[in-house]
Every structure is written in structure tokens, then in C-alpha cells.
Amino acid sequence: MKTPASVLFALLLLCASPAPVHAQAGMEWETLNDEVMSLLRAGKYERGVLVARKALAVAEKNAGPDHRDVATSLNNLAALYRAQGQYAPAEPLYKRALAIREKALGPDHPDVATSLNNLAFLYKTQGQYAPAEPLYKRSLAIREKALGPDHPDVATSLNNLAELYRTQGQYAQAEPLYKRSLAIKEKALGPDHPSVATSLNNLAELYRVQGQYAPAEPLYKRALAIDEKALGPNHPDVATDLNNLALLYKTQGRYAQAEPLYKRALAIVEKALGPDHPHVATSLENMAGLYRATKRNEEAEKLEQRATRIRAIQR
């Protein structure tokens, strides 16, 4: 089961790594790494790969092949490949990053948990659920032991394991993990934190896919209200919330309520991220799906064609 496009950007998944403070790989590497992060966020993946490769070479030269800065560069290069659906080159990079961190930091370090999460997410994305599950579970165990059971990073691991179960239709196993993740973040970060909105979105999605629309709607609405207040009405995360609520309405056949939400989401991402960002393609595809459902096929086709052009740019 594929993650719905409308919630793709709401998931708590640690995919890229900022440069650590006082990196041994040097200032040039830190500058390159910052550029990689910026390109990844902007959806400029091909350019990102080129810069990430250069950053990796600089880290290996300056810090040695087994340094944790090298692991950071490996992780980020892998994230860029994964974002483009290039899973084969991403896997050995994630594995090497994991091995470096285990050797340099020990098997129970939180950075090891991050690498485990990333490798697990790669497997999950490909539908390889069996190898993903033990990695997510080990990541969760590391974080609980190292950081305590109520740390926000524990909430991230709970969320990721829940996502794995939800993707497989194991809803009964997913729900208590989502709820515990939400409770941790509300306690640790406060009820109005954007990370709480992410958990609300994910729990709502669990209910939506089971046809439990009544409990899903107030969760989606609360997530939207949190992000609008915390981030402003024109933030990309608000667009995600709008997409999610619109999908709920579309699923119920409430097309008139869904359409203005999809349109507002599209306008936000176009303005905030630029007309050729992958998130714009997602919004176009979501709106096209609404038009298909309401027999407006000519309008849908135009949006789908534009989305296809955007996707081609990112390859």
C-alpha cells in the first residue's frame, strides 16, 4: 500500500543530517553540506547529488573514511537518491553510514538510531516490510534507553513503526503507537507545537483509511489550526494540512468542501516553493484526482500533464 500523496509530507522521518558543530571535515565541507540540505528541501535533487558527492569526497579526504562526518555525507547522498526513487544506489550508502556510526559511536548511540530509521524507511518505501521492522524496533529501543521514554525522538521512532504497520494494514498495532507518539510530543513540546500537528495528521490518516471519518476530521482540523498559528497561513506545512483535510472530504464525496482546500494548498506551495517543486506536482495530482471524481476530465488532464512535466524536471 502506497503512502497517500496528500500525507507524504506530514510524516516524521529523519532523512537528512545537518553538519555537526565543529565538524572535523572542515569549513568547506560544512558549507557544502548546508548547500546539500538546502537543495534537498528545494527538491533540486540532481544538483543536490552533485554537491553531496563533492561533500563526501571532502569529508573522506579531510577526516578519513570512517569518520562520523563521512557518515553524515553518506546519509545525505542516500536521501537524495531515495527522494528520486533511486533505491539501489541509496542502500549501500545508508548501510555504510550505519556501519561508520556503530564503530565510531557505539551500537547504542542516538545517531545509530537515526541511521537505522533511514535504512528502514528505504526498505518500507520499496515494500520490503520484513527487513524494515527490526530496524525500526532497534531504533526505538536505542532511543528509549539513551534518551528516556518521553523524548521527542522516541515519538519519531514510534511514529515510524506505526507508519510501517499502517502501510501493511495492521491498524490495531499502529494505533497505540501513534497515540503514544502524540502524547509524548504534547507533553514535551506543548499542545500547539507543529510536531504535534504532524502526529495529529498521522493518527487522522489511520482513521481515514479505515473509514472512520468522524474521529479523523477534528484531528485534521486541529493540525491545520496549530500550523496556521505557529507557522503562518502560507507555510508549506499548512498546505499539507489542507491537502489532508481535502482528501478526507473527497473520500466522503464532499467535493464542494474539498476543492477550495486543494486550491489553497496549491497556491501556497507554488508561492513558497516555486512552480517546479515536487510538492507542487503532488498538489496538482491531488486536485486532478478531485476533478476526475467529478467527471471534469479535461481539467484533470491539464493538471496531470503539468505534474508530469515537474516530475521529469526532478529526475
C-alpha atoms as a PDB file:
ATOM      1  CA  MET A   1       0.000   0.000   0.000  1.00  0.00           C
ATOM      2  CA  LYS A   2       1.443   3.292  -1.078  1.00  0.00           C
ATOM      3  CA  THR A   3       1.579   6.270   1.240  1.00  0.00           C
ATOM      4  CA  PRO A   4      -1.091   8.698   0.038  1.00  0.00           C
ATOM      5  CA  ALA A   5       0.446  11.692  -1.705  1.00  0.00           C
ATOM      6  CA  SER A   6      -1.534  14.085   0.431  1.00  0.00           C
ATOM      7  CA  VAL A   7       0.132  12.947   3.642  1.00  0.00           C
ATOM      8  CA  LEU A   8       3.552  12.260   2.254  1.00  0.00           C
ATOM      9  CA  PHE A   9       4.998  15.452   3.677  1.00  0.00           C
ATOM     10  CA  ALA A  10       3.432  15.081   7.111  1.00  0.00           C
ATOM     11  CA  LEU A  11       5.408  12.062   8.222  1.00  0.00           C
ATOM     12  CA  LEU A  12       8.138  12.310  10.829  1.00  0.00           C
ATOM     13  CA  LEU A  13      11.082  10.719   9.097  1.00  0.00           C
ATOM     14  CA  LEU A  14      14.705  11.626   9.686  1.00  0.00           C
ATOM     15  CA  CYS A  15      16.144  11.571   6.190  1.00  0.00           C
ATOM     16  CA  ALA A  16      18.955  14.077   6.111  1.00  0.00           C
ATOM     17  CA  SER A  17      21.598  15.244   8.542  1.00  0.00           C
ATOM     18  CA  PRO A  18      22.818  18.781   9.176  1.00  0.00           C
ATOM     19  CA  ALA A  19      26.507  19.379   9.690  1.00  0.00           C
ATOM     20  CA  PRO A  20      27.591  18.753  13.277  1.00  0.00           C
ATOM     21  CA  VAL A  21      29.057  21.579  15.328  1.00  0.00           C
ATOM     22  CA  HIS A  22      32.849  21.858  14.864  1.00  0.00           C
ATOM     23  CA  ALA A  23      32.962  19.259  12.095  1.00  0.00           C
ATOM     24  CA  GLN A  24      36.385  17.705  11.601  1.00  0.00           C
ATOM     25  CA  ALA A  25      35.848  17.627   7.845  1.00  0.00           C
ATOM     26  CA  GLY A  26      36.355  21.407   7.763  1.00  0.00           C
ATOM     27  CA  MET A  27      34.593  24.588   6.764  1.00  0.00           C
ATOM     28  CA  GLU A  28      34.425  23.697   3.068  1.00  0.00           C
ATOM     29  CA  TRP A  29      32.550  20.527   3.965  1.00  0.00           C
ATOM     30  CA  GLU A  30      30.189  22.370   6.289  1.00  0.00           C
ATOM     31  CA  THR A  31      29.377  24.853   3.522  1.00  0.00           C
ATOM     32  CA  LEU A  32      28.783  22.053   1.021  1.00  0.00           C
ATOM     33  CA  ASN A  33      26.653  20.129   3.487  1.00  0.00           C
ATOM     34  CA  ASP A  34      24.493  23.191   4.142  1.00  0.00           C
ATOM     35  CA  GLU A  35      24.012  23.555   0.385  1.00  0.00           C
ATOM     36  CA  VAL A  36      23.010  19.883   0.142  1.00  0.00           C
ATOM     37  CA  MET A  37      20.359  20.374   2.813  1.00  0.00           C
ATOM     38  CA  SER A  38      19.025  23.447   1.031  1.00  0.00           C
ATOM     39  CA  LEU A  39      18.846  21.661  -2.324  1.00  0.00           C
ATOM     40  CA  LEU A  40      17.106  18.671  -0.764  1.00  0.00           C
ATOM     41  CA  ARG A  41      14.474  20.908   0.803  1.00  0.00           C
ATOM     42  CA  ALA A  42      14.018  22.729  -2.517  1.00  0.00           C
ATOM     43  CA  GLY A  43      13.535  19.470  -4.417  1.00  0.00           C
ATOM     44  CA  LYS A  44      16.576  20.128  -6.621  1.00  0.00           C
ATOM     45  CA  TYR A  45      17.781  16.575  -6.418  1.00  0.00           C
ATOM     46  CA  GLU A  46      20.133  16.290  -9.403  1.00  0.00           C
ATOM     47  CA  ARG A  47      22.101  19.344  -8.336  1.00  0.00           C
ATOM     48  CA  GLY A  48      21.953  18.050  -4.775  1.00  0.00           C
ATOM     49  CA  VAL A  49      23.580  14.761  -5.777  1.00  0.00           C
ATOM     50  CA  LEU A  50      26.491  16.581  -7.399  1.00  0.00           C
ATOM     51  CA  VAL A  51      27.100  18.740  -4.338  1.00  0.00           C
ATOM     52  CA  ALA A  52      26.632  15.782  -1.976  1.00  0.00           C
ATOM     53  CA  ARG A  53      29.228  13.749  -3.860  1.00  0.00           C
ATOM     54  CA  LYS A  54      31.694  16.618  -3.549  1.00  0.00           C
ATOM     55  CA  ALA A  55      30.921  16.960   0.161  1.00  0.00           C
ATOM     56  CA  LEU A  56      31.529  13.234   0.626  1.00  0.00           C
ATOM     57  CA  ALA A  57      34.894  13.439  -1.134  1.00  0.00           C
ATOM     58  CA  VAL A  58      35.947  16.395   1.012  1.00  0.00           C
ATOM     59  CA  ALA A  59      34.894  14.618   4.207  1.00  0.00           C
ATOM     60  CA  GLU A  60      36.792  11.447   3.285  1.00  0.00           C
ATOM     61  CA  LYS A  61      39.903  13.420   2.427  1.00  0.00           C
ATOM     62  CA  ASN A  62      39.877  15.679   5.490  1.00  0.00           C
ATOM     63  CA  ALA A  63      38.524  13.382   8.179  1.00  0.00           C
ATOM     64  CA  GLY A  64      39.239   9.852   6.926  1.00  0.00           C
ATOM     65  CA  PRO A  65      36.856   7.230   5.521  1.00  0.00           C
ATOM     66  CA  ASP A  66      35.467   6.123   8.892  1.00  0.00           C
ATOM     67  CA  HIS A  67      34.690   9.487  10.446  1.00  0.00           C
ATOM     68  CA  ARG A  68      31.175  10.431  11.539  1.00  0.00           C
ATOM     69  CA  ASP A  69      31.225  13.425   9.153  1.00  0.00           C
ATOM     70  CA  VAL A  70      31.605  10.932   6.320  1.00  0.00           C
ATOM     71  CA  ALA A  71      28.533   9.117   7.669  1.00  0.00           C
ATOM     72  CA  THR A  72      26.609  12.393   7.507  1.00  0.00           C
ATOM     73  CA  SER A  73      27.566  12.885   3.866  1.00  0.00           C
ATOM     74  CA  LEU A  74      26.722   9.284   3.003  1.00  0.00           C
ATOM     75  CA  ASN A  75      23.341   9.674   4.658  1.00  0.00           C
ATOM     76  CA  ASN A  76      22.529  12.856   2.762  1.00  0.00           C
ATOM     77  CA  LEU A  77      23.609  11.476  -0.605  1.00  0.00           C
ATOM     78  CA  ALA A  78      21.448   8.428   0.048  1.00  0.00           C
ATOM     79  CA  ALA A  79      18.488  10.670   0.941  1.00  0.00           C
ATOM     80  CA  LEU A  80      18.821  12.462  -2.404  1.00  0.00           C
ATOM     81  CA  TYR A  81      18.826   9.164  -4.300  1.00  0.00           C
ATOM     82  CA  ARG A  82      15.868   7.897  -2.294  1.00  0.00           C
ATOM     83  CA  ALA A  83      13.893  11.067  -2.996  1.00  0.00           C
ATOM     84  CA  GLN A  84      14.271  10.316  -6.720  1.00  0.00           C
ATOM     85  CA  GLY A  85      13.274   6.680  -6.341  1.00  0.00           C
ATOM     86  CA  GLN A  86      16.838   5.516  -6.978  1.00  0.00           C
ATOM     87  CA  TYR A  87      16.841   2.900  -4.245  1.00  0.00           C
ATOM     88  CA  ALA A  88      19.708   0.711  -5.470  1.00  0.00           C
ATOM     89  CA  PRO A  89      22.442   3.355  -5.032  1.00  0.00           C
ATOM     90  CA  ALA A  90      20.881   4.614  -1.794  1.00  0.00           C
ATOM     91  CA  GLU A  91      21.025   1.308   0.099  1.00  0.00           C
ATOM     92  CA  PRO A  92      24.819   0.792   0.284  1.00  0.00           C
ATOM     93  CA  LEU A  93      25.269   4.425   1.300  1.00  0.00           C
ATOM     94  CA  TYR A  94      22.829   4.089   4.190  1.00  0.00           C
ATOM     95  CA  LYS A  95      24.471   0.802   5.212  1.00  0.00           C
ATOM     96  CA  ARG A  96      27.958   2.308   5.172  1.00  0.00           C
ATOM     97  CA  ALA A  97      26.765   5.309   7.193  1.00  0.00           C
ATOM     98  CA  LEU A  98      25.257   2.927   9.745  1.00  0.00           C
ATOM     99  CA  ALA A  99      28.451   0.889   9.982  1.00  0.00           C
ATOM    100  CA  ILE A 100      30.585   4.004  10.489  1.00  0.00           C
ATOM    101  CA  ARG A 101      28.335   5.308  13.242  1.00  0.00           C
ATOM    102  CA  GLU A 102      28.208   1.966  15.022  1.00  0.00           C
ATOM    103  CA  LYS A 103      32.007   1.758  15.016  1.00  0.00           C
ATOM    104  CA  ALA A 104      32.687   5.407  15.856  1.00  0.00           C
ATOM    105  CA  LEU A 105      29.917   5.986  18.388  1.00  0.00           C
ATOM    106  CA  GLY A 106      28.936   2.548  19.645  1.00  0.00           C
ATOM    107  CA  PRO A 107      25.863   0.456  18.796  1.00  0.00           C
ATOM    108  CA  ASP A 108      23.542   2.274  21.217  1.00  0.00           C
ATOM    109  CA  HIS A 109      24.156   5.897  20.196  1.00  0.00           C
ATOM    110  CA  PRO A 110      21.181   8.032  19.060  1.00  0.00           C
ATOM    111  CA  ASP A 111      22.900   8.728  15.717  1.00  0.00           C
ATOM    112  CA  VAL A 112      22.880   4.986  15.105  1.00  0.00           C
ATOM    113  CA  ALA A 113      19.130   5.066  15.699  1.00  0.00           C
ATOM    114  CA  THR A 114      18.815   7.735  13.006  1.00  0.00           C
ATOM    115  CA  SER A 115      20.716   5.573  10.521  1.00  0.00           C
ATOM    116  CA  LEU A 116      18.537   2.591  11.384  1.00  0.00           C
ATOM    117  CA  ASN A 117      15.432   4.706  10.769  1.00  0.00           C
ATOM    118  CA  ASN A 118      16.717   5.847   7.394  1.00  0.00           C
ATOM    119  CA  LEU A 119      17.574   2.362   6.197  1.00  0.00           C
ATOM    120  CA  ALA A 120      14.235   1.059   7.448  1.00  0.00           C
ATOM    121  CA  PHE A 121      12.411   3.830   5.609  1.00  0.00           C
ATOM    122  CA  LEU A 122      14.221   2.903   2.402  1.00  0.00           C
ATOM    123  CA  TYR A 123      13.021  -0.686   2.755  1.00  0.00           C
ATOM    124  CA  LYS A 124       9.480   0.415   3.644  1.00  0.00           C
ATOM    125  CA  THR A 125       9.328   2.653   0.583  1.00  0.00           C
ATOM    126  CA  GLN A 126      10.102  -0.382  -1.581  1.00  0.00           C
ATOM    127  CA  GLY A 127       7.548  -2.568   0.176  1.00  0.00           C
ATOM    128  CA  GLN A 128      10.266  -4.584   1.922  1.00  0.00           C
ATOM    129  CA  TYR A 129       8.457  -4.631   5.244  1.00  0.00           C
ATOM    130  CA  ALA A 130      10.153  -7.652   6.796  1.00  0.00           C
ATOM    131  CA  PRO A 131      13.676  -6.154   6.910  1.00  0.00           C
ATOM    132  CA  ALA A 132      12.312  -2.726   7.877  1.00  0.00           C
ATOM    133  CA  GLU A 133      10.528  -3.787  11.066  1.00  0.00           C
ATOM    134  CA  PRO A 134      13.521  -4.972  13.144  1.00  0.00           C
ATOM    135  CA  LEU A 135      15.437  -1.826  12.193  1.00  0.00           C
ATOM    136  CA  TYR A 136      12.616   0.417  13.375  1.00  0.00           C
ATOM    137  CA  LYS A 137      12.297  -1.603  16.576  1.00  0.00           C
ATOM    138  CA  ARG A 138      16.027  -1.425  17.293  1.00  0.00           C
ATOM    139  CA  SER A 139      15.984   2.324  16.648  1.00  0.00           C
ATOM    140  CA  LEU A 140      13.125   2.728  19.111  1.00  0.00           C
ATOM    141  CA  ALA A 141      14.914   0.651  21.753  1.00  0.00           C
ATOM    142  CA  ILE A 142      18.107   2.688  21.397  1.00  0.00           C
ATOM    143  CA  ARG A 143      16.290   5.967  21.785  1.00  0.00           C
ATOM    144  CA  GLU A 144      14.234   4.841  24.755  1.00  0.00           C
ATOM    145  CA  LYS A 145      17.390   3.698  26.536  1.00  0.00           C
ATOM    146  CA  ALA A 146      19.609   6.640  25.575  1.00  0.00           C
ATOM    147  CA  LEU A 147      17.098   9.482  25.749  1.00  0.00           C
ATOM    148  CA  GLY A 148      14.326   8.243  28.009  1.00  0.00           C
ATOM    149  CA  PRO A 149      10.806   7.057  27.156  1.00  0.00           C
ATOM    150  CA  ASP A 150       9.330  10.555  26.862  1.00  0.00           C
ATOM    151  CA  HIS A 151      11.830  12.171  24.480  1.00  0.00           C
ATOM    152  CA  PRO A 152      10.558  13.632  21.168  1.00  0.00           C
ATOM    153  CA  ASP A 153      12.951  11.383  19.214  1.00  0.00           C
ATOM    154  CA  VAL A 154      11.241   8.387  20.812  1.00  0.00           C
ATOM    155  CA  ALA A 155       7.992   9.809  19.470  1.00  0.00           C
ATOM    156  CA  THR A 156       9.570   9.883  15.990  1.00  0.00           C
ATOM    157  CA  SER A 157      10.540   6.212  16.224  1.00  0.00           C
ATOM    158  CA  LEU A 158       7.069   5.289  17.472  1.00  0.00           C
ATOM    159  CA  ASN A 159       5.565   7.181  14.556  1.00  0.00           C
ATOM    160  CA  ASN A 160       7.794   5.457  12.017  1.00  0.00           C
ATOM    161  CA  LEU A 161       6.978   1.990  13.342  1.00  0.00           C
ATOM    162  CA  ALA A 162       3.299   2.903  13.334  1.00  0.00           C
ATOM    163  CA  GLU A 163       3.603   4.010   9.707  1.00  0.00           C
ATOM    164  CA  LEU A 164       5.081   0.630   8.821  1.00  0.00           C
ATOM    165  CA  TYR A 165       2.130  -1.134  10.416  1.00  0.00           C
ATOM    166  CA  ARG A 166      -0.418   1.218   8.843  1.00  0.00           C
ATOM    167  CA  THR A 167       1.095   0.697   5.412  1.00  0.00           C
ATOM    168  CA  GLN A 168       0.552  -3.041   5.829  1.00  0.00           C
ATOM    169  CA  GLY A 169      -2.999  -2.613   7.085  1.00  0.00           C
ATOM    170  CA  GLN A 170      -2.045  -3.611  10.636  1.00  0.00           C
ATOM    171  CA  TYR A 171      -4.182  -0.851  12.090  1.00  0.00           C
ATOM    172  CA  ALA A 172      -4.638  -2.305  15.563  1.00  0.00           C
ATOM    173  CA  GLN A 173      -0.866  -2.374  16.047  1.00  0.00           C
ATOM    174  CA  ALA A 174      -0.387   1.106  14.619  1.00  0.00           C
ATOM    175  CA  GLU A 175      -2.977   2.995  16.681  1.00  0.00           C
ATOM    176  CA  PRO A 176      -1.413   2.724  20.172  1.00  0.00           C
ATOM    177  CA  LEU A 177       1.981   3.726  18.758  1.00  0.00           C
ATOM    178  CA  TYR A 178       0.514   6.812  17.093  1.00  0.00           C
ATOM    179  CA  LYS A 179      -1.308   7.728  20.289  1.00  0.00           C
ATOM    180  CA  ARG A 180       1.797   7.311  22.452  1.00  0.00           C
ATOM    181  CA  SER A 181       3.816   9.383  19.977  1.00  0.00           C
ATOM    182  CA  LEU A 182       1.209  12.138  20.135  1.00  0.00           C
ATOM    183  CA  ALA A 183       1.100  12.078  23.943  1.00  0.00           C
ATOM    184  CA  ILE A 184       4.882  12.337  24.218  1.00  0.00           C
ATOM    185  CA  LYS A 185       5.023  15.340  21.929  1.00  0.00           C
ATOM    186  CA  GLU A 186       2.128  17.135  23.600  1.00  0.00           C
ATOM    187  CA  LYS A 187       3.870  16.731  26.953  1.00  0.00           C
ATOM    188  CA  ALA A 188       7.404  17.500  25.780  1.00  0.00           C
ATOM    189  CA  LEU A 189       6.686  20.250  23.255  1.00  0.00           C
ATOM    190  CA  GLY A 190       3.299  21.637  24.221  1.00  0.00           C
ATOM    191  CA  PRO A 191      -0.120  21.126  22.614  1.00  0.00           C
ATOM    192  CA  ASP A 192       0.387  23.804  19.965  1.00  0.00           C
ATOM    193  CA  HIS A 193       3.729  22.692  18.527  1.00  0.00           C
ATOM    194  CA  PRO A 194       3.965  21.908  14.781  1.00  0.00           C
ATOM    195  CA  SER A 195       5.318  18.455  15.591  1.00  0.00           C
ATOM    196  CA  VAL A 196       2.068  17.772  17.437  1.00  0.00           C
ATOM    197  CA  ALA A 197       0.246  18.720  14.240  1.00  0.00           C
ATOM    198  CA  THR A 198       2.237  16.071  12.386  1.00  0.00           C
ATOM    199  CA  SER A 199       1.154  13.388  14.843  1.00  0.00           C
ATOM    200  CA  LEU A 200      -2.461  14.542  14.632  1.00  0.00           C
ATOM    201  CA  ASN A 201      -2.286  14.241  10.842  1.00  0.00           C
ATOM    202  CA  ASN A 202      -0.901  10.742  11.024  1.00  0.00           C
ATOM    203  CA  LEU A 203      -3.451   9.495  13.556  1.00  0.00           C
ATOM    204  CA  ALA A 204      -6.222  11.080  11.483  1.00  0.00           C
ATOM    205  CA  GLU A 205      -4.923   9.304   8.391  1.00  0.00           C
ATOM    206  CA  LEU A 206      -5.069   5.997  10.243  1.00  0.00           C
ATOM    207  CA  TYR A 207      -8.737   6.619  10.957  1.00  0.00           C
ATOM    208  CA  ARG A 208      -9.441   7.818   7.413  1.00  0.00           C
ATOM    209  CA  VAL A 209      -8.081   4.714   5.720  1.00  0.00           C
ATOM    210  CA  GLN A 210     -10.346   2.619   7.961  1.00  0.00           C
ATOM    211  CA  GLY A 211     -13.383   4.680   7.013  1.00  0.00           C
ATOM    212  CA  GLN A 212     -13.580   6.235  10.479  1.00  0.00           C
ATOM    213  CA  TYR A 213     -14.245   9.719   9.174  1.00  0.00           C
ATOM    214  CA  ALA A 214     -15.887  11.210  12.268  1.00  0.00           C
ATOM    215  CA  PRO A 215     -12.822  10.901  14.560  1.00  0.00           C
ATOM    216  CA  ALA A 216     -10.445  11.848  11.709  1.00  0.00           C
ATOM    217  CA  GLU A 217     -11.972  15.230  10.869  1.00  0.00           C
ATOM    218  CA  PRO A 218     -11.353  17.065  14.185  1.00  0.00           C
ATOM    219  CA  LEU A 219      -7.763  15.793  14.230  1.00  0.00           C
ATOM    220  CA  TYR A 220      -7.102  17.143  10.748  1.00  0.00           C
ATOM    221  CA  LYS A 221      -8.744  20.457  11.674  1.00  0.00           C
ATOM    222  CA  ARG A 222      -6.725  20.779  14.873  1.00  0.00           C
ATOM    223  CA  ALA A 223      -3.497  20.084  12.949  1.00  0.00           C
ATOM    224  CA  LEU A 224      -4.391  22.806  10.457  1.00  0.00           C
ATOM    225  CA  ALA A 225      -5.162  25.306  13.217  1.00  0.00           C
ATOM    226  CA  ILE A 226      -1.872  24.568  15.009  1.00  0.00           C
ATOM    227  CA  ASP A 227       0.238  25.046  11.902  1.00  0.00           C
ATOM    228  CA  GLU A 228      -1.570  28.194  10.780  1.00  0.00           C
ATOM    229  CA  LYS A 229      -0.958  29.753  14.188  1.00  0.00           C
ATOM    230  CA  ALA A 230       2.596  28.517  14.682  1.00  0.00           C
ATOM    231  CA  LEU A 231       3.933  28.813  11.130  1.00  0.00           C
ATOM    232  CA  GLY A 232       1.680  31.318   9.411  1.00  0.00           C
ATOM    233  CA  PRO A 233      -1.093  30.766   6.851  1.00  0.00           C
ATOM    234  CA  ASN A 234       1.259  30.463   3.881  1.00  0.00           C
ATOM    235  CA  HIS A 235       3.696  27.835   5.148  1.00  0.00           C
ATOM    236  CA  PRO A 236       4.150  24.591   3.159  1.00  0.00           C
ATOM    237  CA  ASP A 237       3.104  22.546   6.199  1.00  0.00           C
ATOM    238  CA  VAL A 238      -0.228  24.354   6.138  1.00  0.00           C
ATOM    239  CA  ALA A 239      -0.579  23.201   2.529  1.00  0.00           C
ATOM    240  CA  THR A 240      -0.055  19.626   3.732  1.00  0.00           C
ATOM    241  CA  ASP A 241      -2.792  20.051   6.326  1.00  0.00           C
ATOM    242  CA  LEU A 242      -5.150  21.462   3.707  1.00  0.00           C
ATOM    243  CA  ASN A 243      -4.408  18.562   1.375  1.00  0.00           C
ATOM    244  CA  ASN A 244      -5.120  16.073   4.135  1.00  0.00           C
ATOM    245  CA  LEU A 245      -8.440  17.610   5.116  1.00  0.00           C
ATOM    246  CA  ALA A 246      -9.399  17.904   1.445  1.00  0.00           C
ATOM    247  CA  LEU A 247      -8.639  14.222   0.931  1.00  0.00           C
ATOM    248  CA  LEU A 248     -10.934  13.352   3.827  1.00  0.00           C
ATOM    249  CA  TYR A 249     -13.744  15.333   2.231  1.00  0.00           C
ATOM    250  CA  LYS A 250     -13.057  13.855  -1.210  1.00  0.00           C
ATOM    251  CA  THR A 251     -13.115  10.331   0.224  1.00  0.00           C
ATOM    252  CA  GLN A 252     -16.592  11.038   1.584  1.00  0.00           C
ATOM    253  CA  GLY A 253     -17.797  12.593  -1.671  1.00  0.00           C
ATOM    254  CA  ARG A 254     -17.846  16.081  -0.140  1.00  0.00           C
ATOM    255  CA  TYR A 255     -16.308  17.551  -3.261  1.00  0.00           C
ATOM    256  CA  ALA A 256     -17.507  21.129  -2.818  1.00  0.00           C
ATOM    257  CA  GLN A 257     -15.706  21.317   0.535  1.00  0.00           C
ATOM    258  CA  ALA A 258     -12.558  19.661  -0.782  1.00  0.00           C
ATOM    259  CA  GLU A 259     -11.953  21.837  -3.845  1.00  0.00           C
ATOM    260  CA  PRO A 260     -11.169  25.184  -2.163  1.00  0.00           C
ATOM    261  CA  LEU A 261      -8.781  23.422   0.212  1.00  0.00           C
ATOM    262  CA  TYR A 262      -6.888  21.805  -2.654  1.00  0.00           C
ATOM    263  CA  LYS A 263      -6.743  25.148  -4.487  1.00  0.00           C
ATOM    264  CA  ARG A 264      -5.413  26.973  -1.448  1.00  0.00           C
ATOM    265  CA  ALA A 265      -2.810  24.251  -0.864  1.00  0.00           C
ATOM    266  CA  LEU A 266      -1.615  24.533  -4.454  1.00  0.00           C
ATOM    267  CA  ALA A 267      -1.350  28.311  -4.222  1.00  0.00           C
ATOM    268  CA  ILE A 268       0.691  28.064  -1.032  1.00  0.00           C
ATOM    269  CA  VAL A 269       3.272  25.617  -2.363  1.00  0.00           C
ATOM    270  CA  GLU A 270       3.622  27.432  -5.661  1.00  0.00           C
ATOM    271  CA  LYS A 271       4.389  30.670  -3.840  1.00  0.00           C
ATOM    272  CA  ALA A 272       6.534  29.189  -1.077  1.00  0.00           C
ATOM    273  CA  LEU A 273       8.494  26.580  -3.027  1.00  0.00           C
ATOM    274  CA  GLY A 274       8.344  27.659  -6.650  1.00  0.00           C
ATOM    275  CA  PRO A 275       6.289  26.332  -9.589  1.00  0.00           C
ATOM    276  CA  ASP A 276       8.544  23.348 -10.302  1.00  0.00           C
ATOM    277  CA  HIS A 277       8.855  21.852  -6.803  1.00  0.00           C
ATOM    278  CA  PRO A 278       7.785  18.195  -6.302  1.00  0.00           C
ATOM    279  CA  HIS A 279       5.231  19.296  -3.696  1.00  0.00           C
ATOM    280  CA  VAL A 280       3.559  21.375  -6.406  1.00  0.00           C
ATOM    281  CA  ALA A 281       3.297  18.230  -8.531  1.00  0.00           C
ATOM    282  CA  THR A 282       1.676  16.439  -5.599  1.00  0.00           C
ATOM    283  CA  SER A 283      -0.878  19.207  -5.143  1.00  0.00           C
ATOM    284  CA  LEU A 284      -1.651  19.168  -8.855  1.00  0.00           C
ATOM    285  CA  GLU A 285      -2.155  15.395  -8.753  1.00  0.00           C
ATOM    286  CA  ASN A 286      -4.445  15.695  -5.750  1.00  0.00           C
ATOM    287  CA  MET A 287      -6.610  18.315  -7.441  1.00  0.00           C
ATOM    288  CA  ALA A 288      -6.644  16.288 -10.655  1.00  0.00           C
ATOM    289  CA  GLY A 289      -7.965  13.348  -8.662  1.00  0.00           C
ATOM    290  CA  LEU A 290     -10.828  15.513  -7.452  1.00  0.00           C
ATOM    291  CA  TYR A 291     -11.596  16.615 -10.984  1.00  0.00           C
ATOM    292  CA  ARG A 292     -11.583  13.007 -12.181  1.00  0.00           C
ATOM    293  CA  ALA A 293     -14.002  12.097  -9.396  1.00  0.00           C
ATOM    294  CA  THR A 294     -16.344  14.883 -10.522  1.00  0.00           C
ATOM    295  CA  LYS A 295     -16.092  13.974 -14.237  1.00  0.00           C
ATOM    296  CA  ARG A 296     -14.067  17.084 -15.122  1.00  0.00           C
ATOM    297  CA  ASN A 297     -11.592  15.049 -17.118  1.00  0.00           C
ATOM    298  CA  GLU A 298     -10.308  17.812 -19.391  1.00  0.00           C
ATOM    299  CA  GLU A 299      -9.335  19.973 -16.422  1.00  0.00           C
ATOM    300  CA  ALA A 300      -7.794  16.959 -14.711  1.00  0.00           C
ATOM    301  CA  GLU A 301      -5.682  16.101 -17.733  1.00  0.00           C
ATOM    302  CA  LYS A 302      -4.148  19.589 -17.839  1.00  0.00           C
ATOM    303  CA  LEU A 303      -3.118  19.348 -14.203  1.00  0.00           C
ATOM    304  CA  GLU A 304      -1.739  15.836 -14.682  1.00  0.00           C
ATOM    305  CA  GLN A 305       0.336  16.933 -17.654  1.00  0.00           C
ATOM    306  CA  ARG A 306       1.830  19.796 -15.674  1.00  0.00           C
ATOM    307  CA  ALA A 307       2.592  17.459 -12.768  1.00  0.00           C
ATOM    308  CA  THR A 308       4.310  15.055 -15.150  1.00  0.00           C
ATOM    309  CA  ARG A 309       6.491  17.855 -16.510  1.00  0.00           C
ATOM    310  CA  ILE A 310       7.516  18.816 -12.975  1.00  0.00           C
ATOM    311  CA  ARG A 311       8.353  15.215 -12.080  1.00  0.00           C
ATOM    312  CA  ALA A 312      10.513  14.968 -15.219  1.00  0.00           C
ATOM    313  CA  ILE A 313      12.487  18.052 -14.175  1.00  0.00           C
ATOM    314  CA  GLN A 314      13.404  16.413 -10.860  1.00  0.00           C
ATOM    315  CA  ARG A 315      14.808  13.230 -12.417  1.00  0.00           C
END
